Amino acid sequence: MIYVSTRGDAERRHFCEILLEGLAPDGGLYLPERYPQVDAGTLEQWRALPYADLAFEIVSLYIDDIPAPDLRVLCRKTYTAEVFGTRAIVPLRKLDDASTSPARTDVYLEALSNGPTLAFKDMAMQLLGNLFEYELARRDEQLNILGATSGDTGSAAEYAMRGKQGVRVFMTSPHGRMSPFQQAQMFSLQDPNIHNLAIEGVFDDCQDIVKAVSNDLDFKRKYKIGTVNSINWARLMAQVVYYFAGYFQATASPHPRPLPGGEGAKPQKVSFAVPSGNFGNICAGHVARMMGLPIDSLVLATNENDVLEEFFRTGVYRVRSSADTHETSSPSMDISKASNFERFVFDLLGRDAGKVRQLFGEQLARTGRFDLSADPAFRQARERYGFVSGKSTHADRVATIRDTYERFGLMIDTHTADGLKVARGHLSPGVPMIVLETALPIKFAATIVEALGREPERPARFVGIERLPKRVTVLPADVQAVKGFIAGHCG
């Protein structure tokens, strides 16, 4: 499998080369030159596989430079009941039942937050940590990971990389903008290979710094800079797996529809609703759909920072300034520059790297926006690629959290509430809707208390975490300041 850049000016590379590189040298994002295709027969063969073996089958389609036996071991080492708390790894829970739903649609919640840091980022990050350690040992090299987090990526990366041989982590986050629990998860780590940098700004400032450092090729090569954000293809690739796992659970007793002319059964379709800020999670769903997973709709849910929702509604992608980025009760989506969106636009525009380069590399830098509303390709966002969108507000979140608890006895976090609220506006009769859970409620306790009048449950290992000593450095939103810190801690 060969990988190409969305901007067309980078060398074609194999998986392990882009694993350690992250952002392409031309400023673009790597994608496979083609999406491997999965037919109905293969889907049925995969249906009964344990999650670790399903992960191997899927990621092995994208990796040809790690021996298959080694890759299988890495997947089985990653996805265990001991790490994720359940043999199913990502169990489904039914909420609305088709027999009682006005839309005659089953609605499910796919639990993605059973990992070490209680957030869906663990699903990919745990594999990424093992892939990094394996490849660095094979090369006898070291890697300095530079990342940006609005909440969950940072802790997931740090817990996956702590103690890993040959790896240091430099994680930037917006100073004071994460929940107290999220901050404590990251800042309480005392491992010498983990460095937390609280940036005086918003998440987009952190993300801009990561991209600026990655685009300084001399600095990147000198200090062996890599990434764990979803700009790293390996992250997104690993997330594709739970779309397949969710599909298999929701269609465990399928009711196939005959094709015209009696040609056989048509696979049951499902839809997925995904809380979206940086477009990485739902981009993995786009990849799964392109591979042949029978997905009807990909429902993109935003909070008040609705840059992505606006695009899928109007065709206009309009980046907001830091001052215009709202601080909300679903803070991990307080993002106004969706870095992974470039991957989807690359596919949407027929993989025209020149046009992508003009939009993302030139026009956005000059005007902060682009408009595809008149481009025939924009219609394909829904017609060919299945994307629909919606927006959720703080009042919606509180109401959805309260309703879900009263009806099902289930607490959900604020971001998952955004996804569930928007999902119910896009139900289709007979098409199961799977809402991707993003985190456990304890990470956003203040809003849970507002909605329910009670504190969410806290896993025993995190009791008192906010009172632990903190190890964090506050820096201005300045690329040179971050470079100086990295250079000073790589000796």
Protein backbone atom coordinates (compact mmCIF):
# COMPACT_ATOMS: atom_id res chain seq x y z
CA MET A 1 0.00 0.00 0.00
CA ILE A 2 1.40 3.37 -1.08
CA TYR A 3 0.43 6.70 0.51
CA VAL A 4 0.07 10.05 -1.22
CA SER A 5 -0.29 13.61 0.08
CA THR A 6 -3.52 15.54 -0.35
CA ARG A 7 -1.43 18.39 -1.81
CA GLY A 8 0.45 16.24 -4.33
CA ASP A 9 4.02 17.44 -3.81
CA ALA A 10 5.33 14.79 -1.40
CA GLU A 11 7.01 11.51 -2.24
CA ARG A 12 4.82 8.41 -2.34
CA ARG A 13 5.60 6.41 0.80
CA HIS A 14 4.90 3.19 2.67
CA PHE A 15 3.09 2.96 5.98
CA CYS A 16 6.02 2.86 8.41
CA GLU A 17 7.53 5.96 6.80
CA ILE A 18 4.38 8.02 7.32
CA LEU A 19 3.80 6.47 10.76
CA LEU A 20 6.84 8.31 12.09
CA GLU A 21 6.37 11.42 9.97
CA GLY A 22 2.79 12.63 10.53
CA LEU A 23 2.18 15.68 8.35
CA ALA A 24 3.53 15.41 4.78
CA PRO A 25 6.48 17.66 3.83
CA ASP A 26 4.27 19.67 1.45
CA GLY A 27 1.86 20.51 4.30
CA GLY A 28 -0.75 17.99 3.17
CA LEU A 29 -2.14 14.89 4.85
CA TYR A 30 -1.37 11.35 3.84
CA LEU A 31 -4.02 9.02 2.46
CA PRO A 32 -3.74 5.62 0.79
CA GLU A 33 -3.62 5.89 -2.98
CA ARG A 34 -6.73 3.70 -3.01
CA TYR A 35 -9.18 2.35 -0.45
CA PRO A 36 -9.13 -1.46 -0.26
CA GLN A 37 -12.52 -2.91 -1.11
CA VAL A 38 -14.44 -5.27 1.16
CA ASP A 39 -17.27 -7.32 -0.35
CA ALA A 40 -20.29 -8.90 1.33
CA GLY A 41 -18.58 -12.27 1.60
CA THR A 42 -15.61 -10.81 3.45
CA LEU A 43 -17.94 -8.91 5.77
CA GLU A 44 -19.64 -12.16 6.74
CA GLN A 45 -16.26 -13.83 7.32
CA TRP A 46 -15.26 -11.00 9.63
CA ARG A 47 -18.56 -10.86 11.51
CA ALA A 48 -17.66 -13.36 14.25
CA LEU A 49 -14.05 -12.26 14.77
CA PRO A 50 -12.90 -10.96 18.15
CA TYR A 51 -12.12 -7.23 18.02
CA ALA A 52 -8.34 -7.73 17.99
CA ASP A 53 -8.51 -10.08 15.02
CA LEU A 54 -10.95 -7.79 13.20
CA ALA A 55 -8.46 -4.96 13.77
CA PHE A 56 -5.70 -7.09 12.26
CA GLU A 57 -7.78 -7.92 9.16
CA ILE A 58 -8.57 -4.25 8.54
CA VAL A 59 -5.24 -2.58 9.31
CA SER A 60 -3.30 -5.28 7.45
CA LEU A 61 -5.00 -4.01 4.28
CA TYR A 62 -3.14 -0.72 4.81
CA ILE A 63 0.22 -2.01 6.07
CA ASP A 64 2.57 -3.99 3.87
CA ASP A 65 5.88 -3.24 5.62
CA ILE A 66 5.22 -4.97 8.96
CA PRO A 67 5.23 -8.78 8.80
CA ALA A 68 1.71 -10.14 9.28
CA PRO A 69 2.59 -12.29 12.33
CA ASP A 70 4.10 -9.25 14.07
CA LEU A 71 1.11 -7.07 13.22
CA ARG A 72 -1.30 -9.68 14.55
CA VAL A 73 0.64 -9.79 17.82
CA LEU A 74 0.51 -5.99 18.10
CA CYS A 75 -3.28 -5.99 17.59
CA ARG A 76 -3.82 -8.75 20.13
CA LYS A 77 -1.53 -6.99 22.61
CA THR A 78 -3.56 -3.80 22.18
CA TYR A 79 -7.19 -4.87 22.27
CA THR A 80 -7.66 -6.93 25.42
CA ALA A 81 -10.39 -7.13 28.04
CA GLU A 82 -7.80 -6.15 30.64
CA VAL A 83 -7.14 -2.82 28.87
CA PHE A 84 -10.70 -2.07 27.71
CA GLY A 85 -12.76 -3.66 30.48
CA THR A 86 -14.87 -5.91 28.27
CA ARG A 87 -14.31 -8.72 25.78
CA ALA A 88 -16.52 -6.89 23.27
CA ILE A 89 -14.15 -3.87 23.47
CA VAL A 90 -16.86 -1.60 21.94
CA PRO A 91 -20.25 -3.00 23.10
CA LEU A 92 -23.51 -1.59 21.74
CA ARG A 93 -26.45 -0.59 23.93
CA LYS A 94 -29.89 -0.15 22.39
CA LEU A 95 -31.72 3.06 23.30
CA ASP A 96 -34.76 3.64 21.04
CA ASP A 97 -36.41 0.47 19.77
CA ALA A 98 -37.87 0.29 16.26
CA SER A 99 -41.07 -1.24 17.64
CA THR A 100 -41.79 1.89 19.68
CA SER A 101 -39.81 4.57 17.83
CA PRO A 102 -41.90 7.05 15.80
CA ALA A 103 -39.34 6.71 13.00
CA ARG A 104 -39.37 2.89 13.31
CA THR A 105 -35.62 2.99 13.83
CA ASP A 106 -33.34 1.27 16.32
CA VAL A 107 -30.93 3.73 17.98
CA TYR A 108 -27.77 2.39 19.57
CA LEU A 109 -24.93 3.82 21.59
CA GLU A 110 -21.50 2.36 20.77
CA ALA A 111 -19.31 2.45 23.88
CA LEU A 112 -15.86 3.69 22.90
CA SER A 113 -14.77 4.94 26.32
CA ASN A 114 -13.73 1.80 28.17
CA GLY A 115 -9.99 2.39 27.73
CA PRO A 116 -7.37 3.74 30.16
CA THR A 117 -8.39 7.41 29.86
CA LEU A 118 -12.17 6.94 29.50
CA ALA A 119 -12.36 8.45 26.00
CA PHE A 120 -12.67 7.15 22.44
CA LYS A 121 -9.15 8.35 21.61
CA ASP A 122 -7.82 5.29 23.47
CA MET A 123 -9.20 3.06 20.70
CA ALA A 124 -6.54 4.24 18.26
CA MET A 125 -3.89 5.62 20.59
CA GLN A 126 -3.21 2.31 22.33
CA LEU A 127 -2.41 0.70 18.97
CA LEU A 128 -0.39 3.72 17.88
CA GLY A 129 1.82 3.46 20.99
CA ASN A 130 2.58 -0.17 20.24
CA LEU A 131 3.25 0.56 16.56
CA PHE A 132 5.65 3.39 17.49
CA GLU A 133 7.58 1.25 19.95
CA TYR A 134 7.81 -1.63 17.47
CA GLU A 135 9.04 0.46 14.55
CA LEU A 136 11.48 2.56 16.60
CA ALA A 137 13.04 -0.60 18.03
CA ARG A 138 13.34 -2.02 14.52
CA ARG A 139 15.17 1.13 13.38
CA ASP A 140 17.05 1.74 16.64
CA GLU A 141 15.74 5.32 16.60
CA GLN A 142 13.95 7.77 18.88
CA LEU A 143 10.89 9.95 18.26
CA ASN A 144 9.72 13.22 19.81
CA ILE A 145 5.96 13.41 19.53
CA LEU A 146 4.41 16.86 19.32
CA GLY A 147 0.64 16.98 19.74
CA ALA A 148 -2.28 19.29 20.33
CA THR A 149 -5.33 18.47 22.40
CA SER A 150 -8.64 20.08 23.21
CA GLY A 151 -9.19 17.49 25.91
CA ASP A 152 -9.01 13.76 25.26
CA THR A 153 -6.25 13.29 22.68
CA GLY A 154 -3.61 14.48 25.14
CA SER A 155 -4.36 12.09 27.96
CA ALA A 156 -4.94 9.18 25.56
CA ALA A 157 -1.57 9.83 23.90
CA GLU A 158 0.29 10.24 27.18
CA TYR A 159 -1.16 7.09 28.73
CA ALA A 160 -0.36 5.16 25.54
CA MET A 161 3.22 6.46 25.32
CA ARG A 162 4.25 6.59 28.98
CA GLY A 163 7.18 4.26 29.53
CA LYS A 164 7.50 3.45 25.82
CA GLN A 165 11.11 3.03 24.75
CA GLY A 166 12.46 5.68 22.38
CA VAL A 167 9.45 8.03 22.70
CA ARG A 168 9.05 11.49 24.25
CA VAL A 169 5.72 13.36 24.22
CA PHE A 170 5.30 17.15 24.07
CA MET A 171 1.56 17.80 24.35
CA THR A 172 0.11 21.28 23.88
CA SER A 173 -3.33 22.20 25.24
CA PRO A 174 -5.31 25.45 25.59
CA HIS A 175 -4.51 26.91 29.02
CA GLY A 176 -7.57 26.73 31.30
CA ARG A 177 -9.94 25.52 28.57
CA MET A 178 -10.19 21.82 29.44
CA SER A 179 -12.34 20.38 32.20
CA PRO A 180 -10.63 19.97 35.62
CA PHE A 181 -10.71 16.18 35.21
CA GLN A 182 -9.11 16.33 31.76
CA GLN A 183 -6.37 18.63 33.02
CA ALA A 184 -5.70 16.39 36.00
CA GLN A 185 -5.45 13.28 33.83
CA MET A 186 -2.64 14.87 31.84
CA PHE A 187 -0.87 17.16 34.27
CA SER A 188 -0.65 14.63 37.11
CA LEU A 189 1.60 12.31 35.09
CA GLN A 190 5.15 12.43 36.38
CA ASP A 191 6.78 10.20 33.75
CA PRO A 192 10.05 11.78 32.54
CA ASN A 193 9.18 11.20 28.86
CA ILE A 194 5.91 13.18 29.16
CA HIS A 195 5.87 17.00 28.86
CA ASN A 196 2.66 19.06 29.12
CA LEU A 197 2.63 22.55 27.57
CA ALA A 198 -0.38 24.75 28.41
CA ILE A 199 -0.64 27.32 25.63
CA GLU A 200 -2.16 30.73 26.31
CA GLY A 201 -4.82 30.53 23.61
CA VAL A 202 -7.43 28.17 22.17
CA PHE A 203 -7.06 24.71 20.65
CA ASP A 204 -6.66 26.12 17.15
CA ASP A 205 -3.55 27.99 18.36
CA CYS A 206 -2.13 24.68 19.61
CA GLN A 207 -2.94 22.96 16.34
CA ASP A 208 -1.36 25.80 14.34
CA ILE A 209 1.85 25.44 16.39
CA VAL A 210 1.99 21.69 15.71
CA LYS A 211 1.55 22.27 11.98
CA ALA A 212 4.13 25.09 11.93
CA VAL A 213 6.73 22.93 13.66
CA SER A 214 5.93 20.02 11.33
CA ASN A 215 6.34 22.31 8.33
CA ASP A 216 9.83 23.39 9.49
CA LEU A 217 11.52 20.44 7.84
CA ASP A 218 15.00 21.20 9.20
CA PHE A 219 13.75 21.35 12.80
CA LYS A 220 11.51 18.33 12.26
CA ARG A 221 14.40 16.21 11.00
CA LYS A 222 16.92 17.43 13.58
CA TYR A 223 14.64 16.65 16.52
CA LYS A 224 12.81 13.64 15.01
CA ILE A 225 9.35 15.21 15.35
CA GLY A 226 6.29 13.00 14.89
CA THR A 227 2.59 13.41 15.64
CA VAL A 228 -0.20 11.54 17.38
CA ASN A 229 -3.01 13.86 16.36
CA SER A 230 -5.37 12.48 13.77
CA ILE A 231 -3.28 14.20 11.11
CA ASN A 232 -1.28 10.97 11.55
CA TRP A 233 -2.93 8.44 9.23
CA ALA A 234 -2.29 5.57 11.66
CA ARG A 235 -4.68 7.15 14.17
CA LEU A 236 -7.47 7.40 11.65
CA MET A 237 -6.80 3.92 10.27
CA ALA A 238 -7.22 2.35 13.71
CA GLN A 239 -10.51 4.19 14.22
CA VAL A 240 -11.97 2.60 11.09
CA VAL A 241 -12.16 -0.71 12.97
CA TYR A 242 -14.91 0.27 15.39
CA TYR A 243 -17.22 1.25 12.55
CA PHE A 244 -17.07 -2.34 11.33
CA ALA A 245 -17.47 -3.67 14.88
CA GLY A 246 -20.51 -1.47 15.47
CA TYR A 247 -22.04 -2.52 12.18
CA PHE A 248 -21.68 -6.21 12.98
CA GLN A 249 -23.37 -5.82 16.36
CA ALA A 250 -26.26 -3.73 15.04
CA THR A 251 -26.92 -6.23 12.22
CA ALA A 252 -26.39 -9.40 14.21
CA SER A 253 -29.86 -10.54 13.11
CA PRO A 254 -30.10 -8.89 9.70
CA HIS A 255 -33.27 -8.75 7.66
CA PRO A 256 -31.88 -8.58 4.11
CA ARG A 257 -33.94 -6.95 1.38
CA PRO A 258 -34.23 -8.79 -1.99
CA LEU A 259 -32.59 -7.07 -4.94
CA PRO A 260 -34.70 -6.33 -8.04
CA GLY A 261 -35.03 -9.38 -10.26
CA GLY A 262 -34.41 -11.80 -7.42
CA GLU A 263 -30.64 -11.30 -7.51
CA GLY A 264 -30.23 -12.09 -3.82
CA ALA A 265 -30.08 -10.16 -0.59
CA LYS A 266 -29.01 -6.56 -0.20
CA PRO A 267 -26.87 -6.00 2.91
CA GLN A 268 -28.56 -4.18 5.77
CA LYS A 269 -27.42 -0.57 5.97
CA VAL A 270 -26.78 1.40 9.15
CA SER A 271 -26.07 5.06 9.89
CA PHE A 272 -23.55 6.54 12.29
CA ALA A 273 -23.85 9.81 14.23
CA VAL A 274 -20.52 11.28 15.26
CA PRO A 275 -19.75 14.29 17.50
CA SER A 276 -17.22 16.16 15.41
CA GLY A 277 -14.67 18.91 16.02
CA ASN A 278 -11.48 18.09 14.15
CA PHE A 279 -13.18 15.72 11.64
CA GLY A 280 -10.90 12.77 12.47
CA ASN A 281 -13.51 10.47 14.04
CA ILE A 282 -16.08 10.88 11.29
CA CYS A 283 -13.37 10.78 8.61
CA ALA A 284 -12.67 7.22 9.76
CA GLY A 285 -16.34 6.50 9.04
CA HIS A 286 -15.89 7.99 5.58
CA VAL A 287 -12.98 5.61 4.99
CA ALA A 288 -15.04 2.64 6.21
CA ARG A 289 -17.84 3.60 3.83
CA MET A 290 -15.39 3.97 0.95
CA MET A 291 -14.11 0.46 1.71
CA GLY A 292 -17.60 -0.92 1.23
CA LEU A 293 -19.13 -0.97 4.72
CA PRO A 294 -22.89 -0.52 4.12
CA ILE A 295 -23.28 2.92 5.73
CA ASP A 296 -26.36 4.90 4.73
CA SER A 297 -25.64 8.26 6.42
CA LEU A 298 -22.72 9.78 8.30
CA VAL A 299 -24.35 12.27 10.63
CA LEU A 300 -21.94 15.01 11.67
CA ALA A 301 -22.85 16.70 14.96
CA THR A 302 -21.23 19.92 16.14
CA ASN A 303 -21.66 22.15 19.16
CA GLU A 304 -21.89 25.95 18.94
CA ASN A 305 -18.59 25.93 17.02
CA ASP A 306 -20.36 24.92 13.84
CA VAL A 307 -17.75 25.37 11.10
CA LEU A 308 -18.26 21.83 9.80
CA GLU A 309 -22.05 21.89 10.09
CA GLU A 310 -22.10 25.13 8.13
CA PHE A 311 -20.08 23.55 5.31
CA PHE A 312 -22.33 20.51 4.91
CA ARG A 313 -25.38 22.77 5.02
CA THR A 314 -24.14 25.56 2.71
CA GLY A 315 -20.92 24.53 0.96
CA VAL A 316 -18.98 27.33 2.66
CA TYR A 317 -16.01 26.47 4.87
CA ARG A 318 -15.34 29.50 7.05
CA VAL A 319 -12.62 29.34 9.71
CA ARG A 320 -13.33 31.34 12.87
CA SER A 321 -10.78 33.39 14.78
CA SER A 322 -9.68 32.47 18.30
CA ALA A 323 -11.90 35.26 19.64
CA ASP A 324 -14.89 33.80 17.78
CA THR A 325 -14.34 30.24 19.02
CA HIS A 326 -16.92 29.63 21.73
CA GLU A 327 -16.02 28.04 25.07
CA THR A 328 -18.72 25.40 25.54
CA SER A 329 -19.76 22.53 27.78
CA SER A 330 -18.53 20.06 25.14
CA PRO A 331 -15.01 21.53 25.08
CA SER A 332 -13.30 18.83 23.04
CA MET A 333 -15.22 20.17 20.04
CA ASP A 334 -14.34 23.82 20.62
CA ILE A 335 -12.47 23.83 17.32
CA SER A 336 -12.74 26.16 14.34
CA LYS A 337 -10.08 24.66 12.05
CA ALA A 338 -10.79 21.02 11.30
CA SER A 339 -7.42 19.66 10.20
CA ASN A 340 -8.76 16.29 8.97
CA PHE A 341 -11.34 17.95 6.76
CA GLU A 342 -8.70 18.25 4.04
CA ARG A 343 -8.75 14.47 3.59
CA PHE A 344 -12.46 14.43 2.82
CA VAL A 345 -12.26 17.44 0.48
CA PHE A 346 -9.46 15.62 -1.39
CA ASP A 347 -11.87 12.75 -2.08
CA LEU A 348 -14.81 15.10 -2.70
CA LEU A 349 -12.86 16.92 -5.43
CA GLY A 350 -11.88 13.72 -7.22
CA ARG A 351 -8.45 13.64 -5.56
CA ASP A 352 -7.40 16.81 -7.37
CA ALA A 353 -4.29 17.65 -5.31
CA GLY A 354 -3.77 20.94 -7.16
CA LYS A 355 -7.21 22.19 -6.20
CA VAL A 356 -6.78 21.03 -2.60
CA ARG A 357 -3.43 22.79 -2.42
CA GLN A 358 -5.05 25.98 -3.72
CA LEU A 359 -7.93 25.80 -1.20
CA PHE A 360 -6.06 24.75 1.93
CA GLY A 361 -2.56 25.97 1.23
CA GLU A 362 -3.36 29.34 -0.34
CA GLN A 363 -6.98 30.47 -0.12
CA LEU A 364 -7.56 29.65 3.55
CA ALA A 365 -4.33 31.39 4.51
CA ARG A 366 -5.35 34.46 2.53
CA THR A 367 -9.09 34.74 3.22
CA GLY A 368 -9.91 32.21 5.95
CA ARG A 369 -12.64 30.61 3.86
CA PHE A 370 -13.57 28.86 0.64
CA ASP A 371 -16.90 28.29 -1.08
CA LEU A 372 -17.82 25.07 -2.90
CA SER A 373 -21.57 25.75 -2.99
CA ALA A 374 -21.55 26.20 -6.78
CA ASP A 375 -19.23 23.24 -7.40
CA PRO A 376 -21.12 20.14 -8.63
CA ALA A 377 -18.92 18.11 -6.28
CA PHE A 378 -20.59 19.68 -3.24
CA ARG A 379 -23.84 17.84 -3.99
CA GLN A 380 -21.92 14.59 -3.74
CA ALA A 381 -21.19 15.22 -0.07
CA ARG A 382 -24.69 13.86 0.60
CA GLU A 383 -25.55 11.96 -2.55
CA ARG A 384 -22.33 9.97 -2.93
CA TYR A 385 -20.64 10.18 0.47
CA GLY A 386 -23.68 10.16 2.77
CA PHE A 387 -22.87 13.22 4.89
CA VAL A 388 -25.60 15.14 6.72
CA SER A 389 -25.13 17.49 9.64
CA GLY A 390 -26.69 19.22 12.62
CA LYS A 391 -25.87 21.45 15.55
CA SER A 392 -26.42 21.07 19.29
CA THR A 393 -26.37 23.79 21.94
CA HIS A 394 -25.79 23.77 25.69
CA ALA A 395 -29.53 23.65 26.31
CA ASP A 396 -29.79 20.68 23.92
CA ARG A 397 -26.98 18.89 25.74
CA VAL A 398 -28.56 19.33 29.15
CA ALA A 399 -31.97 18.21 27.88
CA THR A 400 -30.52 15.15 26.12
CA ILE A 401 -28.46 14.10 29.15
CA ARG A 402 -31.56 14.40 31.36
CA ASP A 403 -33.84 12.57 28.91
CA THR A 404 -31.36 9.71 28.42
CA TYR A 405 -30.97 9.23 32.16
CA GLU A 406 -34.70 9.37 32.87
CA ARG A 407 -35.66 6.98 30.07
CA PHE A 408 -32.78 4.52 30.11
CA GLY A 409 -30.99 5.00 33.45
CA LEU A 410 -27.87 5.85 31.47
CA MET A 411 -25.53 8.81 31.97
CA ILE A 412 -23.86 10.17 28.85
CA ASP A 413 -21.24 12.86 28.48
CA THR A 414 -21.79 16.22 26.82
CA HIS A 415 -20.26 15.37 23.44
CA THR A 416 -22.20 12.11 23.17
CA ALA A 417 -25.32 14.13 23.99
CA ASP A 418 -24.57 16.38 21.00
CA GLY A 419 -24.33 13.30 18.80
CA LEU A 420 -27.56 11.76 20.10
CA LYS A 421 -29.51 14.99 19.78
CA VAL A 422 -28.46 15.49 16.15
CA ALA A 423 -28.90 11.78 15.33
CA ARG A 424 -32.60 11.89 16.17
CA GLY A 425 -33.09 14.53 13.50
CA HIS A 426 -31.75 12.21 10.79
CA LEU A 427 -33.46 8.85 11.41
CA SER A 428 -34.58 6.74 8.45
CA PRO A 429 -37.17 3.97 8.85
CA GLY A 430 -35.54 0.56 9.09
CA VAL A 431 -31.97 1.90 9.14
CA PRO A 432 -30.32 1.42 12.56
CA MET A 433 -28.62 4.56 13.89
CA ILE A 434 -25.39 4.08 15.87
CA VAL A 435 -24.28 7.03 17.97
CA LEU A 436 -20.58 7.00 18.81
CA GLU A 437 -19.92 7.62 22.49
CA THR A 438 -16.89 9.84 23.02
CA ALA A 439 -16.11 9.87 26.76
CA LEU A 440 -17.42 8.91 30.19
CA PRO A 441 -19.51 11.55 31.99
CA ILE A 442 -17.00 12.05 34.84
CA LYS A 443 -14.80 14.05 32.48
CA PHE A 444 -17.50 16.76 32.30
CA ALA A 445 -19.01 16.53 35.77
CA ALA A 446 -20.21 20.15 36.05
CA THR A 447 -22.72 19.78 33.21
CA ILE A 448 -23.88 16.38 34.49
CA VAL A 449 -24.61 17.99 37.86
CA GLU A 450 -26.49 20.78 36.09
CA ALA A 451 -28.58 18.27 34.16
CA LEU A 452 -29.16 15.62 36.82
CA GLY A 453 -28.36 17.21 40.16
CA ARG A 454 -25.83 14.52 40.98
CA GLU A 455 -22.18 13.71 40.36
CA PRO A 456 -21.33 11.03 37.79
CA GLU A 457 -19.62 7.87 38.94
CA ARG A 458 -15.83 7.96 39.05
CA PRO A 459 -13.64 4.88 38.43
CA ALA A 460 -11.69 4.03 41.58
CA ARG A 461 -8.33 4.63 39.94
CA PHE A 462 -9.25 8.29 39.34
CA VAL A 463 -10.53 9.15 42.81
CA GLY A 464 -8.82 12.35 44.00
CA ILE A 465 -6.93 12.87 40.73
CA GLU A 466 -7.55 16.62 40.78
CA ARG A 467 -5.58 16.90 44.04
CA LEU A 468 -2.44 15.20 42.70
CA PRO A 469 0.71 17.29 42.04
CA LYS A 470 0.77 18.86 38.58
CA ARG A 471 3.65 18.83 36.09
CA VAL A 472 2.91 21.42 33.38
CA THR A 473 4.60 24.41 31.75
CA VAL A 474 2.58 27.45 30.62
CA LEU A 475 3.82 28.99 27.35
CA PRO A 476 2.60 31.78 25.07
CA ALA A 477 0.96 30.89 21.76
CA ASP A 478 4.30 31.19 20.01
CA VAL A 479 5.98 28.66 17.74
CA GLN A 480 9.49 29.68 18.80
CA ALA A 481 8.66 29.23 22.47
CA VAL A 482 7.50 25.65 21.84
CA LYS A 483 10.53 24.90 19.64
CA GLY A 484 12.81 26.22 22.38
CA PHE A 485 11.17 23.98 24.96
CA ILE A 486 11.52 20.92 22.74
CA ALA A 487 15.16 21.66 21.97
CA GLY A 488 15.88 22.15 25.67
CA HIS A 489 14.41 18.79 26.66
CA CYS A 490 15.83 16.53 23.96
CA GLY A 491 19.31 16.19 25.41
